[in-house]
Amino acid sequence: MRYDRYRFSFPGWIAILAIWVIVVTAFSWFFYHSFWVAVFLGPFFPLYFREVKKECIQRRKWKLKSQFADALQGVSTALQSGNSMENAFRKVYSEMKSIYGKEADIVKEFYVIVKGIDNNITIETMISDFAARSQIEEIEDFSDIFIVGKRTGGNMRDMISVCCKTITEQIEIQREFRVLLASKQLELRIMCLVPFGMLLYIGTMSKGYFNALYGSLSGKIIMTGCLIAYIAACLWGRSIIEKTKN
């Protein structure tokens, strides 16, 4: 399983299409008072789908990264308790399955590792494959350290313990940062909804206030400019948050 790809289920596709229809319908009505405009916005669906897919991939990677930190802590604890490397991974697989359920990505990955061990495949080979497919920096770093430790015959218990502590601290910092960033993302979403609220309020309280904009060619041109400016502002705010996150 590659984590730089994402395959939507049938209900997922239905949900994406439903949200897209709602969004383009809202844009058509609020900016043009015509549902027919939604037809002309249809070709932009691939751009919307690409952003949704990108966000799903990022969310899945972050979830896997958090689960991996817990799994690595379990491996380190098992090794410090005197378990062999193979038994440590077997033990952590059972623990992760009881905590996250058998459908969790980290459980599936540890299942592959345990099955590989049973089939006489080296652990470093399995971890290297996992790191390559995950494309997550912390997992790739652990894979490199693990492989070097195995090849040089180092003290794997101490190396994994230090590695676990470092990676766990990094992920904890990222967790705290994401909590702070979540408030900014909420503020951005609210700001993106404010113009619709204003148009709805004014249009409801003052009937015919926007007739000049919706009923003339010059008005439609102005509203098109407002629509472009609105989308550009939302994308700009989103790009700022993405740069801050990275």
Protein backbone atom coordinates (compact mmCIF):
# COMPACT_ATOMS: atom_id res chain seq x y z
CA MET A 1 0.00 0.00 0.00
CA ARG A 2 1.39 3.37 -1.04
CA TYR A 3 0.51 6.34 1.15
CA ASP A 4 1.04 8.97 -1.55
CA ARG A 5 -2.10 7.64 -3.23
CA TYR A 6 -5.70 7.56 -2.10
CA ARG A 7 -8.59 5.54 -3.41
CA PHE A 8 -12.09 6.70 -2.53
CA SER A 9 -14.89 4.28 -1.82
CA PHE A 10 -18.23 4.59 -3.60
CA PRO A 11 -19.84 6.44 -0.63
CA GLY A 12 -16.79 8.71 -0.60
CA TRP A 13 -17.33 9.59 -4.25
CA ILE A 14 -21.00 10.31 -3.58
CA ALA A 15 -20.07 12.60 -0.66
CA ILE A 16 -17.52 14.51 -2.77
CA LEU A 17 -19.98 14.98 -5.63
CA ALA A 18 -22.72 16.06 -3.23
CA ILE A 19 -20.48 18.68 -1.60
CA TRP A 20 -19.37 19.91 -5.03
CA VAL A 21 -22.97 20.30 -6.19
CA ILE A 22 -23.86 22.22 -3.02
CA VAL A 23 -20.83 24.52 -3.39
CA VAL A 24 -21.32 25.38 -7.08
CA THR A 25 -25.06 25.81 -6.53
CA ALA A 26 -24.39 28.25 -3.68
CA PHE A 27 -21.89 30.18 -5.81
CA SER A 28 -24.33 30.33 -8.71
CA TRP A 29 -27.19 31.60 -6.59
CA PHE A 30 -25.33 34.08 -4.37
CA PHE A 31 -23.24 35.61 -7.15
CA TYR A 32 -25.63 35.40 -10.12
CA HIS A 33 -29.08 34.41 -8.83
CA SER A 34 -29.09 31.70 -11.49
CA PHE A 35 -28.61 27.98 -11.01
CA TRP A 36 -27.58 27.59 -14.64
CA VAL A 37 -24.17 29.07 -13.87
CA ALA A 38 -23.42 25.89 -11.94
CA VAL A 39 -23.20 24.07 -15.28
CA PHE A 40 -20.32 26.32 -16.37
CA LEU A 41 -18.51 25.70 -13.08
CA GLY A 42 -18.59 21.92 -13.69
CA PRO A 43 -15.20 21.76 -15.51
CA PHE A 44 -13.51 22.96 -12.32
CA PHE A 45 -14.46 19.75 -10.49
CA PRO A 46 -11.06 18.05 -11.17
CA LEU A 47 -9.31 20.91 -9.34
CA TYR A 48 -11.64 20.52 -6.37
CA PHE A 49 -11.18 16.74 -6.40
CA ARG A 50 -7.39 17.11 -6.48
CA GLU A 51 -7.47 19.32 -3.37
CA VAL A 52 -9.78 16.92 -1.53
CA LYS A 53 -7.54 13.99 -2.41
CA LYS A 54 -4.44 15.89 -1.30
CA GLU A 55 -6.06 16.70 2.04
CA CYS A 56 -7.11 13.06 2.55
CA ILE A 57 -3.55 11.89 1.86
CA GLN A 58 -2.12 14.40 4.34
CA ARG A 59 -4.66 13.40 6.99
CA ARG A 60 -3.92 9.72 6.47
CA LYS A 61 -0.16 10.26 6.68
CA TRP A 62 -0.50 12.25 9.88
CA LYS A 63 -2.66 9.52 11.43
CA LEU A 64 -0.12 6.87 10.45
CA LYS A 65 2.72 8.99 11.82
CA SER A 66 0.97 9.34 15.19
CA GLN A 67 0.25 5.62 15.33
CA PHE A 68 3.85 4.83 14.40
CA ALA A 69 5.10 6.90 17.33
CA ASP A 70 2.99 4.78 19.71
CA ALA A 71 4.14 1.57 18.03
CA LEU A 72 7.79 2.59 18.23
CA GLN A 73 7.38 3.36 21.92
CA GLY A 74 5.96 -0.14 22.36
CA VAL A 75 8.89 -1.72 20.51
CA SER A 76 11.38 0.18 22.66
CA THR A 77 9.61 -0.88 25.87
CA ALA A 78 9.46 -4.51 24.75
CA LEU A 79 13.18 -4.53 23.93
CA GLN A 80 14.07 -2.96 27.28
CA SER A 81 12.04 -5.73 28.94
CA GLY A 82 14.35 -8.34 27.40
CA ASN A 83 12.34 -9.41 24.36
CA SER A 84 14.11 -10.20 21.12
CA MET A 85 13.57 -7.91 18.15
CA GLU A 86 11.21 -10.38 16.49
CA ASN A 87 9.14 -10.93 19.61
CA ALA A 88 9.04 -7.18 20.26
CA PHE A 89 7.38 -6.59 16.90
CA ARG A 90 4.98 -9.47 17.47
CA LYS A 91 4.03 -8.10 20.87
CA VAL A 92 3.52 -4.57 19.56
CA TYR A 93 1.39 -5.89 16.69
CA SER A 94 -1.00 -7.44 19.21
CA GLU A 95 -1.04 -4.24 21.28
CA MET A 96 -1.71 -2.01 18.28
CA LYS A 97 -4.52 -4.29 17.12
CA SER A 98 -6.21 -4.07 20.51
CA ILE A 99 -5.81 -0.27 20.60
CA TYR A 100 -6.58 0.79 17.03
CA GLY A 101 -8.43 -2.20 15.58
CA LYS A 102 -7.33 -4.51 12.79
CA GLU A 103 -8.30 -2.01 10.05
CA ALA A 104 -5.81 0.66 11.18
CA ASP A 105 -2.91 1.29 8.80
CA ILE A 106 -0.25 0.76 11.46
CA VAL A 107 -1.82 -2.61 12.38
CA LYS A 108 -1.81 -3.69 8.74
CA GLU A 109 1.83 -2.66 8.37
CA PHE A 110 2.90 -4.52 11.51
CA TYR A 111 0.94 -7.54 10.33
CA VAL A 112 3.02 -7.50 7.14
CA ILE A 113 6.22 -7.21 9.19
CA VAL A 114 5.24 -10.10 11.49
CA LYS A 115 4.29 -12.29 8.51
CA GLY A 116 7.61 -11.40 6.90
CA ILE A 117 9.43 -12.49 10.04
CA ASP A 118 7.53 -15.79 9.99
CA ASN A 119 8.64 -16.28 6.36
CA ASN A 120 12.31 -15.61 7.23
CA ILE A 121 12.39 -12.12 5.68
CA THR A 122 14.67 -9.77 7.59
CA ILE A 123 13.04 -7.05 9.68
CA GLU A 124 15.19 -4.35 8.09
CA THR A 125 13.89 -5.33 4.65
CA MET A 126 10.29 -5.07 5.84
CA ILE A 127 10.85 -1.75 7.61
CA SER A 128 12.69 -0.32 4.60
CA ASP A 129 9.78 -1.27 2.37
CA PHE A 130 7.32 0.29 4.82
CA ALA A 131 9.32 3.52 4.97
CA ALA A 132 9.56 3.75 1.18
CA ARG A 133 5.81 3.34 0.76
CA SER A 134 4.88 5.69 3.58
CA GLN A 135 7.05 8.61 2.40
CA ILE A 136 6.95 9.92 5.96
CA GLU A 137 10.18 11.52 7.13
CA GLU A 138 10.13 10.11 10.67
CA ILE A 139 9.55 6.55 9.46
CA GLU A 140 12.28 6.92 6.83
CA ASP A 141 14.69 8.19 9.50
CA PHE A 142 13.90 5.24 11.74
CA SER A 143 14.40 2.86 8.82
CA ASP A 144 17.85 4.32 8.07
CA ILE A 145 18.93 4.12 11.72
CA PHE A 146 17.59 0.58 12.06
CA ILE A 147 19.40 -0.63 8.95
CA VAL A 148 22.69 0.99 9.96
CA GLY A 149 22.40 -0.48 13.46
CA LYS A 150 21.79 -3.97 12.08
CA ARG A 151 24.68 -3.77 9.61
CA THR A 152 27.19 -2.42 12.11
CA GLY A 153 26.11 -4.72 14.90
CA GLY A 154 25.34 -1.87 17.28
CA ASN A 155 23.32 -2.01 20.48
CA MET A 156 19.84 -2.08 18.96
CA ARG A 157 18.06 -1.62 22.28
CA ASP A 158 19.83 1.65 23.03
CA MET A 159 19.68 2.86 19.43
CA ILE A 160 15.94 2.26 19.16
CA SER A 161 15.38 3.80 22.60
CA VAL A 162 17.18 7.02 21.57
CA CYS A 163 15.51 7.01 18.17
CA CYS A 164 12.11 6.47 19.78
CA LYS A 165 12.63 9.36 22.18
CA THR A 166 13.72 11.73 19.40
CA ILE A 167 10.92 10.82 17.00
CA THR A 168 8.29 10.91 19.76
CA GLU A 169 9.42 14.38 20.81
CA GLN A 170 9.26 15.58 17.20
CA ILE A 171 5.74 14.24 16.72
CA GLU A 172 4.57 15.70 20.04
CA ILE A 173 5.82 19.12 18.94
CA GLN A 174 3.99 18.67 15.64
CA ARG A 175 0.82 17.70 17.51
CA GLU A 176 0.94 20.87 19.62
CA PHE A 177 1.60 22.94 16.52
CA ARG A 178 -1.33 21.38 14.67
CA VAL A 179 -3.63 22.20 17.60
CA LEU A 180 -2.61 25.85 17.36
CA LEU A 181 -2.93 25.78 13.58
CA ALA A 182 -6.41 24.24 13.78
CA SER A 183 -7.76 27.49 15.27
CA LYS A 184 -6.36 29.45 12.33
CA GLN A 185 -7.94 27.00 9.89
CA LEU A 186 -11.29 27.47 11.65
CA GLU A 187 -10.91 31.24 11.40
CA LEU A 188 -10.22 30.93 7.67
CA ARG A 189 -13.33 28.79 7.15
CA ILE A 190 -15.45 31.31 9.05
CA MET A 191 -14.02 34.21 7.03
CA CYS A 192 -14.80 32.32 3.81
CA LEU A 193 -18.42 31.93 4.92
CA VAL A 194 -18.90 35.53 6.07
CA PRO A 195 -19.55 36.98 2.56
CA PHE A 196 -22.33 34.44 1.97
CA GLY A 197 -23.86 35.33 5.32
CA MET A 198 -23.76 39.04 4.48
CA LEU A 199 -25.34 38.50 1.06
CA LEU A 200 -28.03 36.29 2.56
CA TYR A 201 -28.79 38.76 5.35
CA ILE A 202 -28.94 41.84 3.12
CA GLY A 203 -30.86 40.02 0.41
CA THR A 204 -33.41 38.79 2.96
CA MET A 205 -33.84 42.01 4.92
CA SER A 206 -33.77 44.35 1.90
CA LYS A 207 -35.66 42.77 -0.98
CA GLY A 208 -34.44 43.96 -4.37
CA TYR A 209 -31.27 45.56 -2.97
CA PHE A 210 -29.07 43.58 -5.36
CA ASN A 211 -31.36 43.68 -8.39
CA ALA A 212 -29.05 46.10 -10.18
CA LEU A 213 -26.20 43.61 -9.86
CA TYR A 214 -28.15 40.52 -10.84
CA GLY A 215 -30.27 42.06 -13.58
CA SER A 216 -27.73 43.86 -15.79
CA LEU A 217 -24.63 42.95 -17.77
CA SER A 218 -22.46 45.42 -15.86
CA GLY A 219 -23.73 43.93 -12.60
CA LYS A 220 -22.85 40.41 -13.69
CA ILE A 221 -19.35 41.60 -14.64
CA ILE A 222 -18.94 43.15 -11.20
CA MET A 223 -20.16 39.99 -9.47
CA THR A 224 -17.78 37.90 -11.60
CA GLY A 225 -14.93 40.11 -10.43
CA CYS A 226 -16.11 39.67 -6.83
CA LEU A 227 -16.24 35.90 -7.31
CA ILE A 228 -12.69 35.81 -8.68
CA ALA A 229 -11.45 38.04 -5.83
CA TYR A 230 -13.24 35.84 -3.26
CA ILE A 231 -11.75 32.61 -4.61
CA ALA A 232 -8.29 34.19 -4.84
CA ALA A 233 -8.52 35.39 -1.21
CA CYS A 234 -9.59 31.94 0.03
CA LEU A 235 -6.80 30.22 -1.91
CA TRP A 236 -4.28 32.75 -0.62
CA GLY A 237 -5.32 32.13 2.98
CA ARG A 238 -5.15 28.38 2.40
CA SER A 239 -1.66 28.63 0.88
CA ILE A 240 -0.43 30.63 3.89
CA ILE A 241 -1.67 27.94 6.26
CA GLU A 242 -0.13 25.16 4.11
CA LYS A 243 3.24 26.93 4.07
CA THR A 244 3.06 27.39 7.84
CA LYS A 245 2.16 23.71 8.28
CA ASN A 246 5.12 22.58 6.16
